N, C-alpha and C. Protein backbone atom coordinates (compact mmCIF):
# COMPACT_ATOMS: atom_id res chain seq x y z
N MET A 1 75.87 67.68 137.30
CA MET A 1 77.34 67.63 137.53
C MET A 1 77.96 68.39 136.22
N LEU A 2 77.47 67.72 134.98
CA LEU A 2 77.96 68.34 133.86
C LEU A 2 77.88 69.82 133.84
N LEU A 3 76.70 70.35 134.01
CA LEU A 3 76.13 71.76 134.17
C LEU A 3 77.22 72.68 135.10
N ASN A 4 77.54 71.99 136.18
CA ASN A 4 78.53 72.72 137.09
C ASN A 4 79.81 73.00 136.63
N ILE A 5 80.47 71.75 135.86
CA ILE A 5 81.73 71.84 135.44
C ILE A 5 81.68 72.65 134.12
N SER A 6 80.78 72.54 133.13
CA SER A 6 80.54 73.72 132.24
C SER A 6 80.55 75.03 132.37
N GLY A 7 79.82 75.32 133.72
CA GLY A 7 79.41 76.73 134.10
C GLY A 7 80.97 77.03 134.51
N ALA A 8 81.72 76.20 135.35
CA ALA A 8 83.19 77.03 135.97
C ALA A 8 83.92 76.94 134.73
N LEU A 9 83.92 76.18 133.85
CA LEU A 9 84.80 76.29 132.54
C LEU A 9 84.66 77.55 131.77
N SER A 10 83.40 77.77 131.78
CA SER A 10 82.94 79.27 131.00
C SER A 10 83.37 80.44 132.04
N LEU A 11 83.11 80.18 133.17
CA LEU A 11 83.75 81.52 134.13
C LEU A 11 85.30 81.31 133.98
N VAL A 12 86.04 80.48 133.87
CA VAL A 12 87.37 80.42 133.74
C VAL A 12 87.90 81.24 132.31
N VAL A 13 86.95 80.76 131.09
CA VAL A 13 87.63 81.25 129.84
C VAL A 13 86.95 82.71 130.12
N ILE A 14 85.92 83.22 130.33
CA ILE A 14 85.57 84.63 130.49
C ILE A 14 86.45 85.35 131.35
N THR A 15 86.75 85.05 132.30
CA THR A 15 88.10 85.85 133.19
C THR A 15 89.22 85.85 132.29
N ILE A 16 89.84 84.82 131.69
CA ILE A 16 91.10 85.22 130.82
C ILE A 16 90.70 86.23 129.93
N VAL A 17 89.60 86.26 129.05
CA VAL A 17 89.17 87.14 128.37
C VAL A 17 89.19 88.64 128.61
N ILE A 18 88.53 88.51 129.65
CA ILE A 18 88.28 89.98 130.36
C ILE A 18 89.87 90.41 130.78
N ALA A 19 90.55 89.47 131.37
CA ALA A 19 91.92 89.79 131.76
C ALA A 19 93.09 90.23 130.49
N ALA A 20 92.71 89.62 129.45
CA ALA A 20 93.45 89.66 128.04
C ALA A 20 93.19 91.28 127.81
N LEU A 21 91.74 91.62 127.64
CA LEU A 21 91.17 92.75 127.10
C LEU A 21 91.75 93.98 128.08
N LEU A 22 91.88 93.70 129.55
CA LEU A 22 92.09 94.89 130.28
C LEU A 22 93.74 95.19 129.96
N LEU A 23 94.60 93.92 130.00
CA LEU A 23 95.88 93.90 129.63
C LEU A 23 96.39 94.61 128.31
N ARG A 24 95.51 94.36 127.28
CA ARG A 24 95.49 95.25 125.76
C ARG A 24 95.48 96.81 126.31
N ARG A 25 94.37 97.15 127.16
CA ARG A 25 94.21 98.79 127.12
C ARG A 25 95.39 99.34 128.36
N SER A 26 95.79 98.53 129.12
CA SER A 26 96.89 99.00 129.76
C SER A 26 98.10 99.53 129.34
N ARG A 27 98.84 100.12 130.04
CA ARG A 27 100.41 100.82 129.49
C ARG A 27 101.29 99.71 129.14
N TRP A 28 101.20 98.36 129.33
CA TRP A 28 102.13 97.50 129.10
C TRP A 28 101.67 96.62 128.00
N GLY A 29 100.46 96.65 127.97
CA GLY A 29 99.93 95.98 126.67
C GLY A 29 100.09 97.03 125.41
N GLY A 30 99.49 98.14 125.79
CA GLY A 30 99.67 99.26 124.49
C GLY A 30 100.92 99.52 124.30
N ALA A 31 102.26 99.50 124.98
CA ALA A 31 103.72 99.55 124.80
C ALA A 31 104.15 98.53 123.97
N LEU A 32 103.64 97.09 124.09
CA LEU A 32 104.09 95.77 123.16
C LEU A 32 103.34 95.95 122.00
N SER A 33 102.01 96.23 121.90
CA SER A 33 101.34 96.33 120.75
C SER A 33 101.68 97.53 119.70
N SER A 34 102.17 98.76 120.15
CA SER A 34 102.49 100.00 119.56
C SER A 34 103.76 100.11 118.96
N GLY A 35 104.67 99.15 119.57
CA GLY A 35 106.18 98.83 119.07
C GLY A 35 106.96 99.86 119.65
N LYS A 36 106.66 100.80 120.86
CA LYS A 36 107.43 101.67 121.15
C LYS A 36 107.73 101.02 122.73
N GLY A 37 107.93 99.83 122.75
CA GLY A 37 108.42 98.95 124.02
C GLY A 37 110.06 98.62 124.06
N LEU A 38 110.29 97.52 124.16
CA LEU A 38 111.65 97.16 124.03
C LEU A 38 112.25 97.18 122.94
N LEU A 39 111.14 96.55 121.96
CA LEU A 39 111.81 96.06 120.48
C LEU A 39 110.72 97.23 119.67
N GLU A 40 111.54 97.52 118.55
CA GLU A 40 110.90 98.43 117.77
C GLU A 40 111.18 98.21 116.07
N ILE A 41 110.16 97.74 115.55
CA ILE A 41 110.48 97.79 114.09
C ILE A 41 110.78 98.88 113.26
N LYS A 42 111.78 99.07 112.53
CA LYS A 42 112.47 100.35 111.86
C LYS A 42 111.68 100.25 110.49
N HIS A 43 112.39 99.24 109.82
CA HIS A 43 112.05 98.78 108.56
C HIS A 43 112.22 97.45 108.27
N SER A 44 111.10 97.01 107.19
CA SER A 44 111.14 95.82 106.62
C SER A 44 111.34 95.79 105.04
N PHE A 45 111.96 94.89 104.67
CA PHE A 45 112.36 94.90 103.13
C PHE A 45 112.11 93.59 102.57
N VAL A 46 110.90 93.07 101.85
CA VAL A 46 110.55 91.97 101.38
C VAL A 46 111.57 91.57 100.37
N LEU A 47 112.08 90.48 100.24
CA LEU A 47 112.89 89.75 99.76
C LEU A 47 112.49 88.72 98.77
N GLY A 48 111.61 87.96 99.15
CA GLY A 48 110.68 86.84 98.20
C GLY A 48 109.22 86.70 98.86
N GLN A 49 108.64 85.67 98.77
CA GLN A 49 107.39 85.59 98.78
C GLN A 49 107.42 85.29 100.18
N ARG A 50 108.24 84.79 100.86
CA ARG A 50 108.22 84.38 102.32
C ARG A 50 109.23 85.19 103.26
N GLU A 51 110.35 85.46 102.42
CA GLU A 51 111.56 86.21 103.11
C GLU A 51 111.81 87.36 102.93
N ARG A 52 112.24 87.93 104.04
CA ARG A 52 112.46 89.61 104.39
C ARG A 52 113.69 89.72 105.40
N VAL A 53 114.06 91.17 104.98
CA VAL A 53 115.15 91.55 105.91
C VAL A 53 114.37 92.57 106.94
N VAL A 54 114.96 92.71 108.57
CA VAL A 54 114.20 93.75 109.17
C VAL A 54 115.42 94.27 110.10
N ILE A 55 115.09 95.68 109.96
CA ILE A 55 115.72 96.26 111.01
C ILE A 55 115.25 96.47 112.21
N VAL A 56 115.47 95.92 113.10
CA VAL A 56 115.00 96.11 114.71
C VAL A 56 115.77 96.82 115.71
N GLY A 57 115.39 97.93 116.05
CA GLY A 57 115.75 98.81 117.21
C GLY A 57 115.57 98.24 118.76
N VAL A 58 116.41 97.89 119.53
CA VAL A 58 116.75 97.87 120.79
C VAL A 58 117.56 98.58 121.57
N ALA A 59 116.81 99.17 122.37
CA ALA A 59 117.56 100.32 122.94
C ALA A 59 118.39 101.27 122.10
N ASP A 60 119.72 101.13 122.61
CA ASP A 60 120.38 101.98 121.51
C ASP A 60 120.80 101.32 120.32
N ARG A 61 120.84 99.94 120.05
CA ARG A 61 121.08 99.04 119.27
C ARG A 61 119.97 98.99 118.01
N CYS A 62 120.95 98.52 116.74
CA CYS A 62 120.03 97.83 115.85
C CYS A 62 120.01 96.86 115.11
N LEU A 63 119.58 95.99 115.09
CA LEU A 63 119.90 94.56 114.80
C LEU A 63 119.25 94.31 112.98
N LEU A 64 120.15 93.94 112.30
CA LEU A 64 119.65 93.45 110.97
C LEU A 64 119.19 92.05 110.99
N LEU A 65 117.87 91.46 110.72
CA LEU A 65 117.70 90.49 110.90
C LEU A 65 117.08 89.76 109.46
N SER A 66 117.41 88.52 109.25
CA SER A 66 116.80 87.95 108.22
C SER A 66 115.81 86.90 108.68
N VAL A 67 114.71 86.96 108.19
CA VAL A 67 113.44 86.32 108.86
C VAL A 67 112.77 85.51 107.69
N THR A 68 112.94 84.13 107.92
CA THR A 68 112.19 83.14 106.78
C THR A 68 111.30 82.14 107.63
N PRO A 69 110.64 81.39 106.95
CA PRO A 69 109.48 80.46 107.65
C PRO A 69 110.18 79.77 108.46
N SER A 70 111.59 79.12 108.21
CA SER A 70 112.26 78.26 109.02
C SER A 70 112.98 78.81 110.37
N GLY A 71 113.01 80.20 110.43
CA GLY A 71 113.59 81.25 111.60
C GLY A 71 114.12 82.41 111.37
N ILE A 72 114.69 83.01 112.67
CA ILE A 72 115.01 84.20 112.29
C ILE A 72 116.64 84.16 112.39
N THR A 73 117.30 84.89 111.65
CA THR A 73 119.00 84.99 111.83
C THR A 73 119.24 86.37 111.96
N LEU A 74 120.39 86.15 112.85
CA LEU A 74 121.08 87.76 112.84
C LEU A 74 122.02 88.08 111.67
N LEU A 75 121.85 88.89 110.98
CA LEU A 75 122.96 89.23 109.87
C LEU A 75 123.90 90.12 110.48
N THR A 76 123.62 91.30 111.13
CA THR A 76 124.95 91.81 111.32
C THR A 76 124.07 93.06 112.75
N GLU A 77 124.88 93.70 113.65
CA GLU A 77 124.35 94.67 114.66
C GLU A 77 124.97 95.95 114.44
N MET A 78 124.16 96.93 114.53
CA MET A 78 124.61 98.00 114.40
C MET A 78 124.48 98.97 115.49
N ASP A 79 125.27 100.22 115.49
CA ASP A 79 125.28 101.33 116.72
C ASP A 79 123.94 102.01 116.53
N LYS A 80 123.81 102.49 115.41
CA LYS A 80 122.38 103.51 115.45
C LYS A 80 122.09 103.26 113.94
N TYR A 81 120.88 103.49 113.90
CA TYR A 81 120.05 103.36 112.39
C TYR A 81 119.43 104.74 112.17
N HIS A 82 119.67 105.61 111.08
CA HIS A 82 119.00 106.70 110.68
C HIS A 82 118.83 106.30 109.15
N ALA A 83 117.14 106.53 109.25
CA ALA A 83 116.60 106.72 107.69
C ALA A 83 116.97 107.57 107.08
N ALA A 84 117.14 107.28 105.68
CA ALA A 84 117.71 108.14 104.55
C ALA A 84 116.35 109.21 104.32
N ASP A 85 116.87 110.48 104.13
CA ASP A 85 115.86 111.25 103.53
C ASP A 85 115.12 110.97 102.43
N GLU A 86 114.10 111.41 101.93
CA GLU A 86 113.71 111.25 100.65
C GLU A 86 114.77 111.88 99.87
N GLU A 87 115.40 113.19 100.06
CA GLU A 87 116.13 114.03 99.08
C GLU A 87 117.79 113.29 99.03
N ASP A 88 117.97 112.49 99.91
CA ASP A 88 119.37 111.88 99.87
C ASP A 88 119.35 110.45 99.02
N VAL A 89 118.23 110.07 98.78
CA VAL A 89 117.80 108.70 97.82
C VAL A 89 118.22 108.92 96.57
N PRO A 90 118.95 108.71 95.61
CA PRO A 90 119.00 108.74 94.21
C PRO A 90 117.70 108.06 93.36
N THR A 91 117.06 108.49 92.75
CA THR A 91 116.21 108.06 91.88
C THR A 91 116.35 107.39 90.72
N SER A 92 116.38 105.91 90.43
CA SER A 92 117.12 104.97 89.44
C SER A 92 115.99 105.67 88.03
N ASN A 93 116.24 105.11 87.16
CA ASN A 93 115.78 105.11 85.62
C ASN A 93 114.64 104.33 85.99
N PHE A 94 114.57 103.22 86.52
CA PHE A 94 113.51 102.45 86.45
C PHE A 94 112.34 103.04 87.44
N GLN A 95 112.90 103.22 88.55
CA GLN A 95 112.21 104.02 89.66
C GLN A 95 110.91 104.91 88.76
N GLN A 96 111.81 106.10 88.01
CA GLN A 96 110.93 106.79 87.25
C GLN A 96 110.01 106.33 86.50
N MET A 97 110.17 105.38 85.40
CA MET A 97 109.29 104.86 84.75
C MET A 97 108.48 104.33 85.50
N LEU A 98 108.53 103.30 86.46
CA LEU A 98 107.61 102.98 87.25
C LEU A 98 106.37 103.82 87.88
N LEU A 99 107.19 105.11 88.36
CA LEU A 99 106.07 105.70 88.60
C LEU A 99 105.06 106.67 87.70
N ARG A 100 105.87 106.78 86.43
CA ARG A 100 105.28 107.40 85.25
C ARG A 100 104.18 106.59 84.82
N SER A 101 104.58 105.12 84.71
CA SER A 101 103.55 104.16 84.38
C SER A 101 102.33 104.19 85.30
N ILE A 102 102.48 104.27 86.86
CA ILE A 102 101.37 104.20 87.46
C ILE A 102 100.46 105.45 87.70
N THR A 103 101.03 106.17 87.29
CA THR A 103 100.68 107.78 87.18
C THR A 103 99.57 107.76 85.91
N LYS A 104 100.11 106.90 84.96
CA LYS A 104 99.24 107.03 83.52
C LYS A 104 97.79 106.84 83.82
N LYS A 105 96.85 107.40 82.81
CA LYS A 105 95.60 106.96 82.98
C LYS A 105 95.24 105.77 82.15
N PRO A 106 94.41 104.81 82.99
CA PRO A 106 94.32 103.48 82.07
C PRO A 106 94.11 103.32 80.71
N GLY A 107 93.37 104.55 79.83
CA GLY A 107 93.00 104.49 78.63
C GLY A 107 94.22 104.83 77.92
N ASN A 108 95.57 105.50 78.26
CA ASN A 108 96.43 105.89 77.35
C ASN A 108 97.38 104.77 77.42
N ARG A 109 97.96 104.56 76.28
CA ARG A 109 99.30 103.55 75.99
C ARG A 109 100.14 104.30 75.34
N GLY A 110 101.41 104.02 75.60
CA GLY A 110 102.49 104.73 74.95
C GLY A 110 103.66 105.04 75.43
């Protein structure tokens, strides 16, 4: 009797795993996992170890969300979000110094 129950249980588990794999490969699962479905994360900015601000696109609106371990809070809602081009973003002195220090060889000091 125990063998019958464990066989039936394993059959159910295998069926669930196969259904999940098929859903993942189908157009519904692919749209959800690729971010091209209903929600799309445009940008994510890390504020702390566990805090971040996320811009999420929903249809023709964009939401600015605060994500923390205790929950998600809507900060503001925008009509459209256009990412700034690299040419439009002014570089600061700190950013230039950081890039120079990263590109220096490890043996060079100064």
